[in-house]
Amino acid sequence: MTAIADTPFARLDSEGRLLKPILNADTHVAGRFGYRGEISYDGPETILKEVFSISESGKPAIGFLAGSIKEYETLPKLVETLGTALNGDGKYFIYIADLPRGNRFHIRFGDVNIFAISIDETTVYNELIDTFYVDKVKLKKFDTSAKLDALADVGLQYSSPSDYAEISYEDGLKRKNAA
């Protein structure tokens, strides 16, 4: 059994940033710790919602993370707050409510790669299913841990950055404000 203290989530937990956990424990994959819930990153009102995330035993950072935020402008603060819990080997999908429909950016913050995607009136879960082409009917039969494992397994292997405009955060801000 993996204790949260042995994961990249430990600092976030000690800072009181892990909110409303649906899952905060080992998953069905040996050596994998999963977190589902919310993560606060810039005060109580600024939250990464609908979080799907995992860390693998022996790895220093979160391997897969997906969630939604309200405002594109808060993306740098999210990356800053998560800090060393993120690295260049992880896959990070942030769905953003105020990005104009259809926008999909690949943004680098140092060695951390963020896939920033517009989200309308749907859920992160449904967006991940669509992005990864996962069988929704099959997932319905799974418990919370198995659903997270299935999405993380595909997310960790995701290799379609060509589906995203590779831009700087600042260029993304200009595109957002021009729309």
C-alpha atoms as a PDB file:
ATOM      1  CA  MET A   1       0.000   0.000   0.000  1.00  0.00           C
ATOM      2  CA  THR A   2       1.276   3.429  -0.960  1.00  0.00           C
ATOM      3  CA  ALA A   3       0.917   6.160   1.662  1.00  0.00           C
ATOM      4  CA  ILE A   4       0.155   9.679   0.439  1.00  0.00           C
ATOM      5  CA  ALA A   5       3.326  10.751   2.291  1.00  0.00           C
ATOM      6  CA  ASP A   6       5.307   8.752  -0.288  1.00  0.00           C
ATOM      7  CA  THR A   7       3.762  10.537  -3.281  1.00  0.00           C
ATOM      8  CA  PRO A   8       3.999  13.942  -4.972  1.00  0.00           C
ATOM      9  CA  PHE A   9       0.577  14.654  -3.447  1.00  0.00           C
ATOM     10  CA  ALA A  10       2.077  14.810   0.080  1.00  0.00           C
ATOM     11  CA  ARG A  11       2.988  18.504  -0.042  1.00  0.00           C
ATOM     12  CA  LEU A  12      -0.380  19.445  -1.535  1.00  0.00           C
ATOM     13  CA  ASP A  13      -2.119  17.450   1.192  1.00  0.00           C
ATOM     14  CA  SER A  14      -0.061  19.047   3.985  1.00  0.00           C
ATOM     15  CA  GLU A  15      -0.878  22.501   2.574  1.00  0.00           C
ATOM     16  CA  GLY A  16      -4.608  21.680   2.641  1.00  0.00           C
ATOM     17  CA  ARG A  17      -4.924  21.911  -1.148  1.00  0.00           C
ATOM     18  CA  LEU A  18      -6.560  18.518  -1.753  1.00  0.00           C
ATOM     19  CA  LEU A  19     -10.289  19.164  -1.445  1.00  0.00           C
ATOM     20  CA  LYS A  20     -13.407  16.996  -1.687  1.00  0.00           C
ATOM     21  CA  PRO A  21     -11.581  13.734  -2.407  1.00  0.00           C
ATOM     22  CA  ILE A  22     -13.545  11.041  -4.195  1.00  0.00           C
ATOM     23  CA  LEU A  23     -10.400   8.900  -4.267  1.00  0.00           C
ATOM     24  CA  ASN A  24      -7.192   9.446  -2.320  1.00  0.00           C
ATOM     25  CA  ALA A  25      -5.574   6.005  -2.248  1.00  0.00           C
ATOM     26  CA  ASP A  26      -3.953   3.195  -4.184  1.00  0.00           C
ATOM     27  CA  THR A  27      -5.641   2.219  -7.419  1.00  0.00           C
ATOM     28  CA  HIS A  28      -5.923  -1.290  -8.872  1.00  0.00           C
ATOM     29  CA  VAL A  29      -2.528  -0.949 -10.600  1.00  0.00           C
ATOM     30  CA  ALA A  30       0.328  -2.033  -8.336  1.00  0.00           C
ATOM     31  CA  GLY A  31       2.425   0.916  -7.168  1.00  0.00           C
ATOM     32  CA  ARG A  32      -0.044   3.531  -8.400  1.00  0.00           C
ATOM     33  CA  PHE A  33      -1.621   6.151  -6.142  1.00  0.00           C
ATOM     34  CA  GLY A  34      -4.701   7.977  -7.388  1.00  0.00           C
ATOM     35  CA  TYR A  35      -6.350  11.243  -6.472  1.00  0.00           C
ATOM     36  CA  ARG A  36      -9.788  12.390  -7.631  1.00  0.00           C
ATOM     37  CA  GLY A  37     -11.355  15.539  -6.249  1.00  0.00           C
ATOM     38  CA  GLU A  38     -10.334  19.191  -6.351  1.00  0.00           C
ATOM     39  CA  ILE A  39      -7.029  21.020  -5.858  1.00  0.00           C
ATOM     40  CA  SER A  40      -6.924  24.628  -4.631  1.00  0.00           C
ATOM     41  CA  TYR A  41      -4.097  26.649  -6.079  1.00  0.00           C
ATOM     42  CA  ASP A  42      -4.631  30.367  -5.518  1.00  0.00           C
ATOM     43  CA  GLY A  43      -6.962  30.843  -2.606  1.00  0.00           C
ATOM     44  CA  PRO A  44     -10.254  29.142  -1.784  1.00  0.00           C
ATOM     45  CA  GLU A  45     -12.028  30.347  -4.943  1.00  0.00           C
ATOM     46  CA  THR A  46      -9.374  29.259  -7.443  1.00  0.00           C
ATOM     47  CA  ILE A  47      -9.689  25.514  -7.844  1.00  0.00           C
ATOM     48  CA  LEU A  48      -8.695  22.814 -10.290  1.00  0.00           C
ATOM     49  CA  LYS A  49     -11.974  20.878 -10.457  1.00  0.00           C
ATOM     50  CA  GLU A  50     -12.890  17.365 -11.550  1.00  0.00           C
ATOM     51  CA  VAL A  51      -9.304  16.182 -11.018  1.00  0.00           C
ATOM     52  CA  PHE A  52      -8.144  12.827 -12.370  1.00  0.00           C
ATOM     53  CA  SER A  53      -4.540  12.200 -11.319  1.00  0.00           C
ATOM     54  CA  ILE A  54      -2.066   9.454 -10.538  1.00  0.00           C
ATOM     55  CA  SER A  55       1.490   9.032  -9.382  1.00  0.00           C
ATOM     56  CA  GLU A  56       3.615   5.922  -9.812  1.00  0.00           C
ATOM     57  CA  SER A  57       5.714   4.469  -7.011  1.00  0.00           C
ATOM     58  CA  GLY A  58       9.309   5.671  -7.177  1.00  0.00           C
ATOM     59  CA  LYS A  59       8.567   8.600  -9.491  1.00  0.00           C
ATOM     60  CA  PRO A  60       9.018  12.135  -8.166  1.00  0.00           C
ATOM     61  CA  ALA A  61       6.081  13.777  -9.970  1.00  0.00           C
ATOM     62  CA  ILE A  62       2.453  13.280 -10.859  1.00  0.00           C
ATOM     63  CA  GLY A  63       2.411  11.183 -14.026  1.00  0.00           C
ATOM     64  CA  PHE A  64      -1.066  12.054 -15.254  1.00  0.00           C
ATOM     65  CA  LEU A  65      -3.298  14.969 -14.313  1.00  0.00           C
ATOM     66  CA  ALA A  66      -6.512  16.283 -15.819  1.00  0.00           C
ATOM     67  CA  GLY A  67      -8.918  18.864 -14.456  1.00  0.00           C
ATOM     68  CA  SER A  68     -10.726  22.087 -15.265  1.00  0.00           C
ATOM     69  CA  ILE A  69     -10.199  25.723 -14.330  1.00  0.00           C
ATOM     70  CA  LYS A  70     -12.381  28.771 -14.916  1.00  0.00           C
ATOM     71  CA  GLU A  71      -9.815  31.255 -16.252  1.00  0.00           C
ATOM     72  CA  TYR A  72      -6.848  30.883 -18.582  1.00  0.00           C
ATOM     73  CA  GLU A  73      -5.045  33.685 -16.722  1.00  0.00           C
ATOM     74  CA  THR A  74      -4.696  31.452 -13.642  1.00  0.00           C
ATOM     75  CA  LEU A  75      -2.828  28.690 -15.505  1.00  0.00           C
ATOM     76  CA  PRO A  76       0.678  29.940 -14.525  1.00  0.00           C
ATOM     77  CA  LYS A  77      -0.380  30.052 -10.848  1.00  0.00           C
ATOM     78  CA  LEU A  78      -1.619  26.453 -11.108  1.00  0.00           C
ATOM     79  CA  VAL A  79       1.729  25.302 -12.502  1.00  0.00           C
ATOM     80  CA  GLU A  80       3.604  27.349  -9.886  1.00  0.00           C
ATOM     81  CA  THR A  81       1.529  25.951  -7.007  1.00  0.00           C
ATOM     82  CA  LEU A  82       1.922  22.351  -8.151  1.00  0.00           C
ATOM     83  CA  GLY A  83       5.656  23.040  -8.585  1.00  0.00           C
ATOM     84  CA  THR A  84       7.828  19.943  -8.300  1.00  0.00           C
ATOM     85  CA  ALA A  85       4.723  17.731  -8.319  1.00  0.00           C
ATOM     86  CA  LEU A  86       4.889  18.266 -12.116  1.00  0.00           C
ATOM     87  CA  ASN A  87       7.774  17.457 -14.454  1.00  0.00           C
ATOM     88  CA  GLY A  88       8.631  16.999 -18.115  1.00  0.00           C
ATOM     89  CA  ASP A  89       7.707  13.311 -18.107  1.00  0.00           C
ATOM     90  CA  GLY A  90       4.069  13.839 -17.059  1.00  0.00           C
ATOM     91  CA  LYS A  91       0.926  14.267 -19.141  1.00  0.00           C
ATOM     92  CA  TYR A  92      -1.154  17.228 -17.973  1.00  0.00           C
ATOM     93  CA  PHE A  93      -4.547  18.121 -19.489  1.00  0.00           C
ATOM     94  CA  ILE A  94      -6.119  21.336 -18.236  1.00  0.00           C
ATOM     95  CA  TYR A  95      -9.596  22.148 -19.517  1.00  0.00           C
ATOM     96  CA  ILE A  96     -10.326  25.878 -19.398  1.00  0.00           C
ATOM     97  CA  ALA A  97     -13.817  27.388 -19.334  1.00  0.00           C
ATOM     98  CA  ASP A  98     -12.979  30.809 -20.753  1.00  0.00           C
ATOM     99  CA  LEU A  99     -10.959  29.636 -23.771  1.00  0.00           C
ATOM    100  CA  PRO A 100     -12.984  30.141 -26.930  1.00  0.00           C
ATOM    101  CA  ARG A 101     -14.553  26.941 -28.249  1.00  0.00           C
ATOM    102  CA  GLY A 102     -12.206  24.702 -30.210  1.00  0.00           C
ATOM    103  CA  ASN A 103      -8.947  26.122 -28.842  1.00  0.00           C
ATOM    104  CA  ARG A 104      -6.327  23.485 -27.999  1.00  0.00           C
ATOM    105  CA  PHE A 105      -2.894  24.701 -26.922  1.00  0.00           C
ATOM    106  CA  HIS A 106       0.320  22.897 -26.038  1.00  0.00           C
ATOM    107  CA  ILE A 107       2.130  25.227 -23.638  1.00  0.00           C
ATOM    108  CA  ARG A 108       5.516  24.743 -21.989  1.00  0.00           C
ATOM    109  CA  PHE A 109       6.276  26.067 -18.536  1.00  0.00           C
ATOM    110  CA  GLY A 110       9.969  25.224 -18.264  1.00  0.00           C
ATOM    111  CA  ASP A 111      10.115  21.474 -18.885  1.00  0.00           C
ATOM    112  CA  VAL A 112       6.433  20.968 -17.959  1.00  0.00           C
ATOM    113  CA  ASN A 113       4.079  20.442 -20.893  1.00  0.00           C
ATOM    114  CA  ILE A 114       0.459  21.480 -20.457  1.00  0.00           C
ATOM    115  CA  PHE A 115      -2.313  20.609 -22.885  1.00  0.00           C
ATOM    116  CA  ALA A 116      -4.758  23.524 -22.465  1.00  0.00           C
ATOM    117  CA  ILE A 117      -8.160  22.779 -23.957  1.00  0.00           C
ATOM    118  CA  SER A 118     -11.405  24.729 -24.118  1.00  0.00           C
ATOM    119  CA  ILE A 119     -14.334  23.166 -22.288  1.00  0.00           C
ATOM    120  CA  ASP A 120     -17.971  24.119 -22.574  1.00  0.00           C
ATOM    121  CA  GLU A 121     -20.843  22.598 -20.678  1.00  0.00           C
ATOM    122  CA  THR A 122     -19.440  19.107 -20.360  1.00  0.00           C
ATOM    123  CA  THR A 123     -17.298  17.278 -17.814  1.00  0.00           C
ATOM    124  CA  VAL A 124     -13.600  16.478 -17.694  1.00  0.00           C
ATOM    125  CA  TYR A 125     -14.573  12.794 -17.610  1.00  0.00           C
ATOM    126  CA  ASN A 126     -16.495  13.077 -20.896  1.00  0.00           C
ATOM    127  CA  GLU A 127     -13.749  15.172 -22.479  1.00  0.00           C
ATOM    128  CA  LEU A 128     -11.116  12.582 -21.555  1.00  0.00           C
ATOM    129  CA  ILE A 129     -13.243   9.801 -23.016  1.00  0.00           C
ATOM    130  CA  ASP A 130     -13.560  11.769 -26.275  1.00  0.00           C
ATOM    131  CA  THR A 131      -9.884  12.766 -26.384  1.00  0.00           C
ATOM    132  CA  PHE A 132      -8.610   9.255 -25.696  1.00  0.00           C
ATOM    133  CA  TYR A 133     -11.315   7.332 -27.602  1.00  0.00           C
ATOM    134  CA  VAL A 134     -12.147   5.213 -24.563  1.00  0.00           C
ATOM    135  CA  ASP A 135     -15.241   2.985 -24.572  1.00  0.00           C
ATOM    136  CA  LYS A 136     -17.721   4.777 -22.295  1.00  0.00           C
ATOM    137  CA  VAL A 137     -19.992   1.721 -21.998  1.00  0.00           C
ATOM    138  CA  LYS A 138     -17.084  -0.382 -20.737  1.00  0.00           C
ATOM    139  CA  LEU A 139     -16.061   2.323 -18.229  1.00  0.00           C
ATOM    140  CA  LYS A 140     -19.568   2.418 -16.725  1.00  0.00           C
ATOM    141  CA  LYS A 141     -18.942  -1.056 -15.301  1.00  0.00           C
ATOM    142  CA  PHE A 142     -15.787   0.056 -13.444  1.00  0.00           C
ATOM    143  CA  ASP A 143     -15.416   1.455  -9.932  1.00  0.00           C
ATOM    144  CA  THR A 144     -13.749   4.842  -9.334  1.00  0.00           C
ATOM    145  CA  SER A 145     -10.211   3.399  -9.157  1.00  0.00           C
ATOM    146  CA  ALA A 146     -10.613   1.296 -12.291  1.00  0.00           C
ATOM    147  CA  LYS A 147     -12.012   4.277 -14.241  1.00  0.00           C
ATOM    148  CA  LEU A 148      -9.025   6.362 -13.161  1.00  0.00           C
ATOM    149  CA  ASP A 149      -6.623   3.558 -14.093  1.00  0.00           C
ATOM    150  CA  ALA A 150      -8.206   3.160 -17.545  1.00  0.00           C
ATOM    151  CA  LEU A 151      -8.048   6.890 -18.311  1.00  0.00           C
ATOM    152  CA  ALA A 152      -4.543   7.281 -16.856  1.00  0.00           C
ATOM    153  CA  ASP A 153      -3.232   4.284 -18.831  1.00  0.00           C
ATOM    154  CA  VAL A 154      -4.333   5.911 -22.080  1.00  0.00           C
ATOM    155  CA  GLY A 155      -3.341   9.411 -20.933  1.00  0.00           C
ATOM    156  CA  LEU A 156       0.189   8.347 -20.042  1.00  0.00           C
ATOM    157  CA  GLN A 157       0.612   6.983 -23.575  1.00  0.00           C
ATOM    158  CA  TYR A 158      -0.985  10.010 -25.270  1.00  0.00           C
ATOM    159  CA  SER A 159       1.148  11.101 -28.192  1.00  0.00           C
ATOM    160  CA  SER A 160      -0.883  13.481 -30.343  1.00  0.00           C
ATOM    161  CA  PRO A 161       0.599  16.913 -29.599  1.00  0.00           C
ATOM    162  CA  SER A 162       0.104  17.760 -33.276  1.00  0.00           C
ATOM    163  CA  ASP A 163      -3.600  18.155 -32.397  1.00  0.00           C
ATOM    164  CA  TYR A 164      -2.611  21.232 -30.377  1.00  0.00           C
ATOM    165  CA  ALA A 165      -1.161  24.608 -31.375  1.00  0.00           C
ATOM    166  CA  GLU A 166       2.265  24.787 -29.709  1.00  0.00           C
ATOM    167  CA  ILE A 167       2.406  28.316 -28.355  1.00  0.00           C
ATOM    168  CA  SER A 168       3.662  30.314 -25.396  1.00  0.00           C
ATOM    169  CA  TYR A 169       1.350  31.198 -22.538  1.00  0.00           C
ATOM    170  CA  GLU A 170       1.479  34.837 -23.652  1.00  0.00           C
ATOM    171  CA  ASP A 171       0.471  33.970 -27.244  1.00  0.00           C
ATOM    172  CA  GLY A 172      -2.402  31.902 -25.874  1.00  0.00           C
ATOM    173  CA  LEU A 173      -3.522  34.901 -23.846  1.00  0.00           C
ATOM    174  CA  LYS A 174      -3.460  37.079 -26.978  1.00  0.00           C
ATOM    175  CA  ARG A 175      -5.531  34.499 -28.908  1.00  0.00           C
ATOM    176  CA  LYS A 176      -7.998  34.195 -26.056  1.00  0.00           C
ATOM    177  CA  ASN A 177      -8.449  37.960 -25.758  1.00  0.00           C
ATOM    178  CA  ALA A 178      -8.732  38.420 -29.549  1.00  0.00           C
ATOM    179  CA  ALA A 179     -11.666  36.020 -29.805  1.00  0.00           C
END
